Amino acid sequence: MGLVQIDPGEIVELGTQVAVHGAVRVAEMASADDLFELLVGIAVLIYEIVPG
């Protein structure tokens, strides 16, 4: 059985496709309040991670 070979350029494309699909699914399922809470949560997380 041979090894699976993946071109590094394809990895980026796959990640982008998965991210876009996930974002679209979240947008379909989430209400405006849920989206606001998600964005605030991300902002708080970034604030806590970034030093200073």
C-alpha atoms as a PDB file:
ATOM      1  CA  MET A   1       0.000   0.000   0.000  1.00  0.00           C
ATOM      2  CA  GLY A   2       1.460   3.386  -0.998  1.00  0.00           C
ATOM      3  CA  LEU A   3       1.637   6.530   1.052  1.00  0.00           C
ATOM      4  CA  VAL A   4      -0.917   9.252   0.513  1.00  0.00           C
ATOM      5  CA  GLN A   5       0.726  12.349  -0.868  1.00  0.00           C
ATOM      6  CA  ILE A   6      -0.858  15.756  -0.418  1.00  0.00           C
ATOM      7  CA  ASP A   7       0.389  18.916  -2.062  1.00  0.00           C
ATOM      8  CA  PRO A   8       0.880  21.658   0.588  1.00  0.00           C
ATOM      9  CA  GLY A   9      -1.186  24.039  -1.555  1.00  0.00           C
ATOM     10  CA  GLU A  10      -4.140  21.682  -1.295  1.00  0.00           C
ATOM     11  CA  ILE A  11      -3.986  21.733   2.523  1.00  0.00           C
ATOM     12  CA  VAL A  12      -4.604  25.481   2.544  1.00  0.00           C
ATOM     13  CA  GLU A  13      -7.536  25.115   0.162  1.00  0.00           C
ATOM     14  CA  LEU A  14      -9.043  22.319   2.240  1.00  0.00           C
ATOM     15  CA  GLY A  15      -8.744  24.379   5.431  1.00  0.00           C
ATOM     16  CA  THR A  16     -10.385  27.335   3.763  1.00  0.00           C
ATOM     17  CA  GLN A  17     -13.251  25.217   2.450  1.00  0.00           C
ATOM     18  CA  VAL A  18     -13.822  23.648   5.865  1.00  0.00           C
ATOM     19  CA  ALA A  19     -13.735  27.052   7.582  1.00  0.00           C
ATOM     20  CA  VAL A  20     -16.176  28.583   5.110  1.00  0.00           C
ATOM     21  CA  HIS A  21     -18.538  25.623   5.422  1.00  0.00           C
ATOM     22  CA  GLY A  22     -18.403  25.852   9.221  1.00  0.00           C
ATOM     23  CA  ALA A  23     -19.047  29.596   9.175  1.00  0.00           C
ATOM     24  CA  VAL A  24     -22.039  29.174   6.879  1.00  0.00           C
ATOM     25  CA  ARG A  25     -23.494  26.417   9.076  1.00  0.00           C
ATOM     26  CA  VAL A  26     -23.074  28.544  12.202  1.00  0.00           C
ATOM     27  CA  ALA A  27     -24.708  31.504  10.462  1.00  0.00           C
ATOM     28  CA  GLU A  28     -27.662  29.325   9.470  1.00  0.00           C
ATOM     29  CA  MET A  29     -28.170  27.941  12.974  1.00  0.00           C
ATOM     30  CA  ALA A  30     -27.319  30.928  15.166  1.00  0.00           C
ATOM     31  CA  SER A  31     -29.593  33.806  16.050  1.00  0.00           C
ATOM     32  CA  ALA A  32     -28.318  37.374  16.343  1.00  0.00           C
ATOM     33  CA  ASP A  33     -27.945  36.992  20.121  1.00  0.00           C
ATOM     34  CA  ASP A  34     -25.914  33.808  19.734  1.00  0.00           C
ATOM     35  CA  LEU A  35     -23.668  35.468  17.173  1.00  0.00           C
ATOM     36  CA  PHE A  36     -23.139  38.474  19.467  1.00  0.00           C
ATOM     37  CA  GLU A  37     -22.222  36.193  22.377  1.00  0.00           C
ATOM     38  CA  LEU A  38     -19.793  34.285  20.152  1.00  0.00           C
ATOM     39  CA  LEU A  39     -18.074  37.485  19.006  1.00  0.00           C
ATOM     40  CA  VAL A  40     -17.836  38.830  22.566  1.00  0.00           C
ATOM     41  CA  GLY A  41     -16.396  35.501  23.712  1.00  0.00           C
ATOM     42  CA  ILE A  42     -13.750  35.599  20.988  1.00  0.00           C
ATOM     43  CA  ALA A  43     -12.871  39.207  21.864  1.00  0.00           C
ATOM     44  CA  VAL A  44     -12.503  38.316  25.572  1.00  0.00           C
ATOM     45  CA  LEU A  45     -10.345  35.313  24.707  1.00  0.00           C
ATOM     46  CA  ILE A  46      -8.037  37.425  22.539  1.00  0.00           C
ATOM     47  CA  TYR A  47      -7.874  40.106  25.247  1.00  0.00           C
ATOM     48  CA  GLU A  48      -6.812  37.513  27.826  1.00  0.00           C
ATOM     49  CA  ILE A  49      -4.225  35.874  25.543  1.00  0.00           C
ATOM     50  CA  VAL A  50      -2.486  39.035  24.324  1.00  0.00           C
ATOM     51  CA  PRO A  51       0.072  40.236  26.884  1.00  0.00           C
ATOM     52  CA  GLY A  52      -0.098  43.857  28.065  1.00  0.00           C
END
